[in-house]
Amino acid sequence: GKGNGGQSNYSFGNSICERICEERRRDGLHGLAIQYGPVGDVGVFEGSDQLLLLSTLRKQRINSCCDVLDKLLSIKQPIVTSYVKVDQTKEESSSRGKRMIRELWRALGIDPEITPNHLTLGEIGIESMFAVELQQELERDWNMKVSLNQVKTITIGMLKDYEAGRVGEIKKHLEDI
């Protein structure tokens, strides 16, 4: 689902390892693939929060990964996951939305002050990862189902209003669709 540029081969290799573990388990042998979420003190996320700004995951420490290893080894499934979710109840919805929109401007590489208000996210070419994050944020805020196609019809002007705390136009637009 989510990842960094240039990780296709890495992801494919992980997928092959998971299939091997599944096959070993079917044959009565041991096999375990652990899908760790972002680890903060080693690897690509060390010293950086930039890649996690829109994520619902937070970095775990390598010691935490090692601490849960005993528990994961006792699970009889061939593939397990270890990650730490952001406690979103601590973060006020409006500040979370503002942060997300600011990150969206940066990720799209646009200046909202000079980008025409009528352009839609679909016309600009929103990346699927950001579209899903925006979709989840809107669904969480308004307790309504929002499709990715609906997200792509949102205009720059609507996002500016949303960032400023004026949600009426974007909410009405999504309800009308």
C-alpha atoms as a PDB file:
ATOM      1  CA  GLY A   1       0.000   0.000   0.000  1.00  0.00           C
ATOM      2  CA  LYS A   2       2.380   2.730   1.115  1.00  0.00           C
ATOM      3  CA  GLY A   3       6.072   3.061   0.671  1.00  0.00           C
ATOM      4  CA  ASN A   4       8.936   5.115  -0.588  1.00  0.00           C
ATOM      5  CA  GLY A   5      10.050   5.607  -4.158  1.00  0.00           C
ATOM      6  CA  GLY A   6      12.331   2.857  -5.437  1.00  0.00           C
ATOM      7  CA  GLN A   7      10.958   0.174  -3.131  1.00  0.00           C
ATOM      8  CA  SER A   8       9.282  -2.029  -5.728  1.00  0.00           C
ATOM      9  CA  ASN A   9      12.067  -4.633  -5.725  1.00  0.00           C
ATOM     10  CA  TYR A  10      12.260  -4.536  -1.932  1.00  0.00           C
ATOM     11  CA  SER A  11       8.480  -5.049  -1.661  1.00  0.00           C
ATOM     12  CA  PHE A  12       8.557  -7.855  -4.215  1.00  0.00           C
ATOM     13  CA  GLY A  13      11.349  -9.595  -2.270  1.00  0.00           C
ATOM     14  CA  ASN A  14       9.349  -9.314   0.959  1.00  0.00           C
ATOM     15  CA  SER A  15       6.302 -10.745  -0.784  1.00  0.00           C
ATOM     16  CA  ILE A  16       8.324 -13.751  -1.993  1.00  0.00           C
ATOM     17  CA  CYS A  17       9.609 -14.355   1.551  1.00  0.00           C
ATOM     18  CA  GLU A  18       6.023 -14.249   2.835  1.00  0.00           C
ATOM     19  CA  ARG A  19       4.914 -16.810   0.239  1.00  0.00           C
ATOM     20  CA  ILE A  20       7.815 -19.074   1.306  1.00  0.00           C
ATOM     21  CA  CYS A  21       6.724 -18.789   4.960  1.00  0.00           C
ATOM     22  CA  GLU A  22       3.137 -19.633   4.001  1.00  0.00           C
ATOM     23  CA  GLU A  23       4.313 -22.674   2.048  1.00  0.00           C
ATOM     24  CA  ARG A  24       6.539 -23.851   4.929  1.00  0.00           C
ATOM     25  CA  ARG A  25       3.589 -23.592   7.349  1.00  0.00           C
ATOM     26  CA  ARG A  26       1.412 -25.626   4.956  1.00  0.00           C
ATOM     27  CA  ASP A  27       4.187 -28.269   4.941  1.00  0.00           C
ATOM     28  CA  GLY A  28       4.239 -28.383   8.771  1.00  0.00           C
ATOM     29  CA  LEU A  29       7.535 -26.502   9.069  1.00  0.00           C
ATOM     30  CA  HIS A  30       8.268 -23.238  10.828  1.00  0.00           C
ATOM     31  CA  GLY A  31       8.176 -20.018   8.820  1.00  0.00           C
ATOM     32  CA  LEU A  32       7.496 -16.482   9.987  1.00  0.00           C
ATOM     33  CA  ALA A  33       7.538 -13.168   8.134  1.00  0.00           C
ATOM     34  CA  ILE A  34       7.211 -10.086  10.345  1.00  0.00           C
ATOM     35  CA  GLN A  35       5.939  -6.882   8.769  1.00  0.00           C
ATOM     36  CA  TYR A  36       7.350  -4.165  11.003  1.00  0.00           C
ATOM     37  CA  GLY A  37       5.941  -0.675  10.676  1.00  0.00           C
ATOM     38  CA  PRO A  38       8.255   2.333  10.568  1.00  0.00           C
ATOM     39  CA  VAL A  39      11.250   2.030  12.897  1.00  0.00           C
ATOM     40  CA  GLY A  40      12.632   5.355  14.104  1.00  0.00           C
ATOM     41  CA  ASP A  41      16.135   4.705  15.326  1.00  0.00           C
ATOM     42  CA  VAL A  42      17.473   2.808  12.296  1.00  0.00           C
ATOM     43  CA  GLY A  43      16.892   2.848   8.556  1.00  0.00           C
ATOM     44  CA  VAL A  44      15.072   5.331   6.367  1.00  0.00           C
ATOM     45  CA  PHE A  45      13.042   6.918   9.196  1.00  0.00           C
ATOM     46  CA  GLU A  46      16.001   7.580  11.491  1.00  0.00           C
ATOM     47  CA  GLY A  47      15.965  11.258  12.458  1.00  0.00           C
ATOM     48  CA  SER A  48      13.107  12.155  10.105  1.00  0.00           C
ATOM     49  CA  ASP A  49       9.367  12.588  10.482  1.00  0.00           C
ATOM     50  CA  GLN A  50       8.753  13.849   6.968  1.00  0.00           C
ATOM     51  CA  LEU A  51       7.586  10.515   5.557  1.00  0.00           C
ATOM     52  CA  LEU A  52       5.072   9.978   8.369  1.00  0.00           C
ATOM     53  CA  LEU A  53       3.301  13.334   8.409  1.00  0.00           C
ATOM     54  CA  LEU A  54       0.134  11.976   6.814  1.00  0.00           C
ATOM     55  CA  SER A  55       0.347   8.498   8.249  1.00  0.00           C
ATOM     56  CA  THR A  56      -1.751   7.026  11.039  1.00  0.00           C
ATOM     57  CA  LEU A  57       1.358   5.165  12.194  1.00  0.00           C
ATOM     58  CA  ARG A  58       4.120   6.467  14.375  1.00  0.00           C
ATOM     59  CA  LYS A  59       7.696   5.307  14.581  1.00  0.00           C
ATOM     60  CA  GLN A  60       8.528   2.447  16.893  1.00  0.00           C
ATOM     61  CA  ARG A  61      11.914   1.990  18.468  1.00  0.00           C
ATOM     62  CA  ILE A  62      14.164  -0.916  17.543  1.00  0.00           C
ATOM     63  CA  ASN A  63      14.074  -2.035  21.195  1.00  0.00           C
ATOM     64  CA  SER A  64      10.285  -2.254  20.953  1.00  0.00           C
ATOM     65  CA  CYS A  65      10.619  -4.430  17.846  1.00  0.00           C
ATOM     66  CA  CYS A  66      12.927  -6.782  19.728  1.00  0.00           C
ATOM     67  CA  ASP A  67      10.677  -6.767  22.823  1.00  0.00           C
ATOM     68  CA  VAL A  68       7.660  -8.056  20.867  1.00  0.00           C
ATOM     69  CA  LEU A  69       9.682 -10.626  18.939  1.00  0.00           C
ATOM     70  CA  ASP A  70       9.081 -13.373  21.543  1.00  0.00           C
ATOM     71  CA  LYS A  71       5.329 -12.826  21.309  1.00  0.00           C
ATOM     72  CA  LEU A  72       5.403 -12.802  17.519  1.00  0.00           C
ATOM     73  CA  LEU A  73       7.443 -16.014  17.370  1.00  0.00           C
ATOM     74  CA  SER A  74       4.739 -17.819  19.357  1.00  0.00           C
ATOM     75  CA  ILE A  75       1.989 -16.946  16.882  1.00  0.00           C
ATOM     76  CA  LYS A  76       1.054 -19.785  14.552  1.00  0.00           C
ATOM     77  CA  GLN A  77       0.410 -17.554  11.519  1.00  0.00           C
ATOM     78  CA  PRO A  78       3.039 -17.363   8.746  1.00  0.00           C
ATOM     79  CA  ILE A  79       2.805 -13.550   8.493  1.00  0.00           C
ATOM     80  CA  VAL A  80       2.421 -11.102  11.381  1.00  0.00           C
ATOM     81  CA  THR A  81       2.592  -7.327  11.708  1.00  0.00           C
ATOM     82  CA  SER A  82       4.033  -5.039  14.364  1.00  0.00           C
ATOM     83  CA  TYR A  83       3.311  -1.310  14.283  1.00  0.00           C
ATOM     84  CA  VAL A  84       2.378   1.580  16.570  1.00  0.00           C
ATOM     85  CA  LYS A  85      -0.724   3.644  15.724  1.00  0.00           C
ATOM     86  CA  VAL A  86      -0.988   7.369  16.393  1.00  0.00           C
ATOM     87  CA  ASP A  87      -3.349   8.158  19.266  1.00  0.00           C
ATOM     88  CA  GLN A  88      -5.596  10.478  17.296  1.00  0.00           C
ATOM     89  CA  THR A  89      -7.855  11.263  20.228  1.00  0.00           C
ATOM     90  CA  LYS A  90      -5.076  13.473  21.600  1.00  0.00           C
ATOM     91  CA  GLU A  91      -4.950  15.600  18.480  1.00  0.00           C
ATOM     92  CA  GLU A  92      -7.791  18.041  17.870  1.00  0.00           C
ATOM     93  CA  SER A  93      -9.557  17.344  14.591  1.00  0.00           C
ATOM     94  CA  SER A  94      -9.129  20.843  13.158  1.00  0.00           C
ATOM     95  CA  SER A  95      -5.390  20.977  13.854  1.00  0.00           C
ATOM     96  CA  ARG A  96      -5.021  17.497  12.360  1.00  0.00           C
ATOM     97  CA  GLY A  97      -6.881  18.651   9.249  1.00  0.00           C
ATOM     98  CA  LYS A  98      -4.806  21.825   8.933  1.00  0.00           C
ATOM     99  CA  ARG A  99      -1.578  19.862   9.276  1.00  0.00           C
ATOM    100  CA  MET A 100      -2.747  17.408   6.663  1.00  0.00           C
ATOM    101  CA  ILE A 101      -3.683  20.156   4.177  1.00  0.00           C
ATOM    102  CA  ARG A 102      -0.317  21.906   4.680  1.00  0.00           C
ATOM    103  CA  GLU A 103       1.444  18.619   3.980  1.00  0.00           C
ATOM    104  CA  LEU A 104      -0.773  18.082   0.954  1.00  0.00           C
ATOM    105  CA  TRP A 105       0.320  21.456  -0.492  1.00  0.00           C
ATOM    106  CA  ARG A 106       3.950  20.467   0.021  1.00  0.00           C
ATOM    107  CA  ALA A 107       3.495  16.971  -1.428  1.00  0.00           C
ATOM    108  CA  LEU A 108       1.693  18.269  -4.506  1.00  0.00           C
ATOM    109  CA  GLY A 109       4.381  20.887  -4.973  1.00  0.00           C
ATOM    110  CA  ILE A 110       1.888  23.703  -5.309  1.00  0.00           C
ATOM    111  CA  ASP A 111       1.552  27.139  -3.769  1.00  0.00           C
ATOM    112  CA  PRO A 112      -2.111  27.503  -2.752  1.00  0.00           C
ATOM    113  CA  GLU A 113      -1.834  31.285  -3.027  1.00  0.00           C
ATOM    114  CA  ILE A 114      -1.152  31.210  -6.771  1.00  0.00           C
ATOM    115  CA  THR A 115      -2.844  27.953  -7.826  1.00  0.00           C
ATOM    116  CA  PRO A 116      -6.298  28.597  -9.341  1.00  0.00           C
ATOM    117  CA  ASN A 117      -9.129  27.779  -6.925  1.00  0.00           C
ATOM    118  CA  HIS A 118     -11.149  25.906  -9.569  1.00  0.00           C
ATOM    119  CA  LEU A 119      -8.525  23.172 -10.170  1.00  0.00           C
ATOM    120  CA  THR A 120      -9.466  19.786  -8.700  1.00  0.00           C
ATOM    121  CA  LEU A 121      -7.154  17.337  -6.978  1.00  0.00           C
ATOM    122  CA  GLY A 122      -7.794  14.939  -9.852  1.00  0.00           C
ATOM    123  CA  GLU A 123      -6.653  17.530 -12.382  1.00  0.00           C
ATOM    124  CA  ILE A 124      -3.516  18.227 -10.368  1.00  0.00           C
ATOM    125  CA  GLY A 125      -2.755  14.509 -10.059  1.00  0.00           C
ATOM    126  CA  ILE A 126      -3.024  13.726  -6.348  1.00  0.00           C
ATOM    127  CA  GLU A 127      -1.009  10.673  -5.321  1.00  0.00           C
ATOM    128  CA  SER A 128      -3.162   7.781  -4.102  1.00  0.00           C
ATOM    129  CA  MET A 129      -1.525   7.715  -0.653  1.00  0.00           C
ATOM    130  CA  PHE A 130      -2.488  11.345  -0.016  1.00  0.00           C
ATOM    131  CA  ALA A 131      -5.957  10.824  -1.480  1.00  0.00           C
ATOM    132  CA  VAL A 132      -6.569   7.952   0.949  1.00  0.00           C
ATOM    133  CA  GLU A 133      -5.344  10.026   3.917  1.00  0.00           C
ATOM    134  CA  LEU A 134      -7.638  12.900   2.951  1.00  0.00           C
ATOM    135  CA  GLN A 135     -10.503  10.458   2.430  1.00  0.00           C
ATOM    136  CA  GLN A 136     -10.005   8.967   5.897  1.00  0.00           C
ATOM    137  CA  GLU A 137      -9.729  12.411   7.510  1.00  0.00           C
ATOM    138  CA  LEU A 138     -13.003  13.582   5.958  1.00  0.00           C
ATOM    139  CA  GLU A 139     -14.779  10.334   6.861  1.00  0.00           C
ATOM    140  CA  ARG A 140     -13.511  10.591  10.436  1.00  0.00           C
ATOM    141  CA  ASP A 141     -14.509  14.264  10.789  1.00  0.00           C
ATOM    142  CA  TRP A 142     -17.994  13.952   9.322  1.00  0.00           C
ATOM    143  CA  ASN A 143     -18.876  10.303   9.898  1.00  0.00           C
ATOM    144  CA  MET A 144     -19.764   9.828   6.246  1.00  0.00           C
ATOM    145  CA  LYS A 145     -18.523   7.590   3.445  1.00  0.00           C
ATOM    146  CA  VAL A 146     -16.263   9.401   0.962  1.00  0.00           C
ATOM    147  CA  SER A 147     -14.948   7.680  -2.172  1.00  0.00           C
ATOM    148  CA  LEU A 148     -11.557   8.330  -3.754  1.00  0.00           C
ATOM    149  CA  ASN A 149     -13.358   9.625  -6.843  1.00  0.00           C
ATOM    150  CA  GLN A 150     -15.122  12.176  -4.637  1.00  0.00           C
ATOM    151  CA  VAL A 151     -11.782  13.237  -3.157  1.00  0.00           C
ATOM    152  CA  LYS A 152     -10.444  13.854  -6.662  1.00  0.00           C
ATOM    153  CA  THR A 153     -13.306  16.317  -7.338  1.00  0.00           C
ATOM    154  CA  ILE A 154     -12.342  18.559  -4.411  1.00  0.00           C
ATOM    155  CA  THR A 155     -11.008  21.907  -5.606  1.00  0.00           C
ATOM    156  CA  ILE A 156      -8.056  23.940  -4.365  1.00  0.00           C
ATOM    157  CA  GLY A 157     -10.531  26.585  -3.178  1.00  0.00           C
ATOM    158  CA  MET A 158     -12.407  24.032  -1.071  1.00  0.00           C
ATOM    159  CA  LEU A 159      -9.138  22.863   0.500  1.00  0.00           C
ATOM    160  CA  LYS A 160      -8.177  26.459   1.323  1.00  0.00           C
ATOM    161  CA  ASP A 161     -11.539  26.897   3.064  1.00  0.00           C
ATOM    162  CA  TYR A 162     -11.114  23.583   4.898  1.00  0.00           C
ATOM    163  CA  GLU A 163      -7.641  24.622   6.058  1.00  0.00           C
ATOM    164  CA  ALA A 164      -9.089  27.919   7.334  1.00  0.00           C
ATOM    165  CA  GLY A 165     -11.787  26.066   9.290  1.00  0.00           C
ATOM    166  CA  ARG A 166     -14.630  26.805   6.832  1.00  0.00           C
ATOM    167  CA  VAL A 167     -15.918  23.322   6.022  1.00  0.00           C
ATOM    168  CA  GLY A 168     -19.370  24.150   4.661  1.00  0.00           C
ATOM    169  CA  GLU A 169     -18.548  24.207   0.942  1.00  0.00           C
ATOM    170  CA  ILE A 170     -16.461  21.028   0.865  1.00  0.00           C
ATOM    171  CA  LYS A 171     -18.967  19.138   3.018  1.00  0.00           C
ATOM    172  CA  LYS A 172     -21.907  20.244   0.859  1.00  0.00           C
ATOM    173  CA  HIS A 173     -19.958  19.305  -2.287  1.00  0.00           C
ATOM    174  CA  LEU A 174     -19.291  15.784  -1.001  1.00  0.00           C
ATOM    175  CA  GLU A 175     -22.887  15.330   0.204  1.00  0.00           C
ATOM    176  CA  ASP A 176     -24.236  16.468  -3.191  1.00  0.00           C
ATOM    177  CA  ILE A 177     -22.139  13.873  -5.001  1.00  0.00           C
END
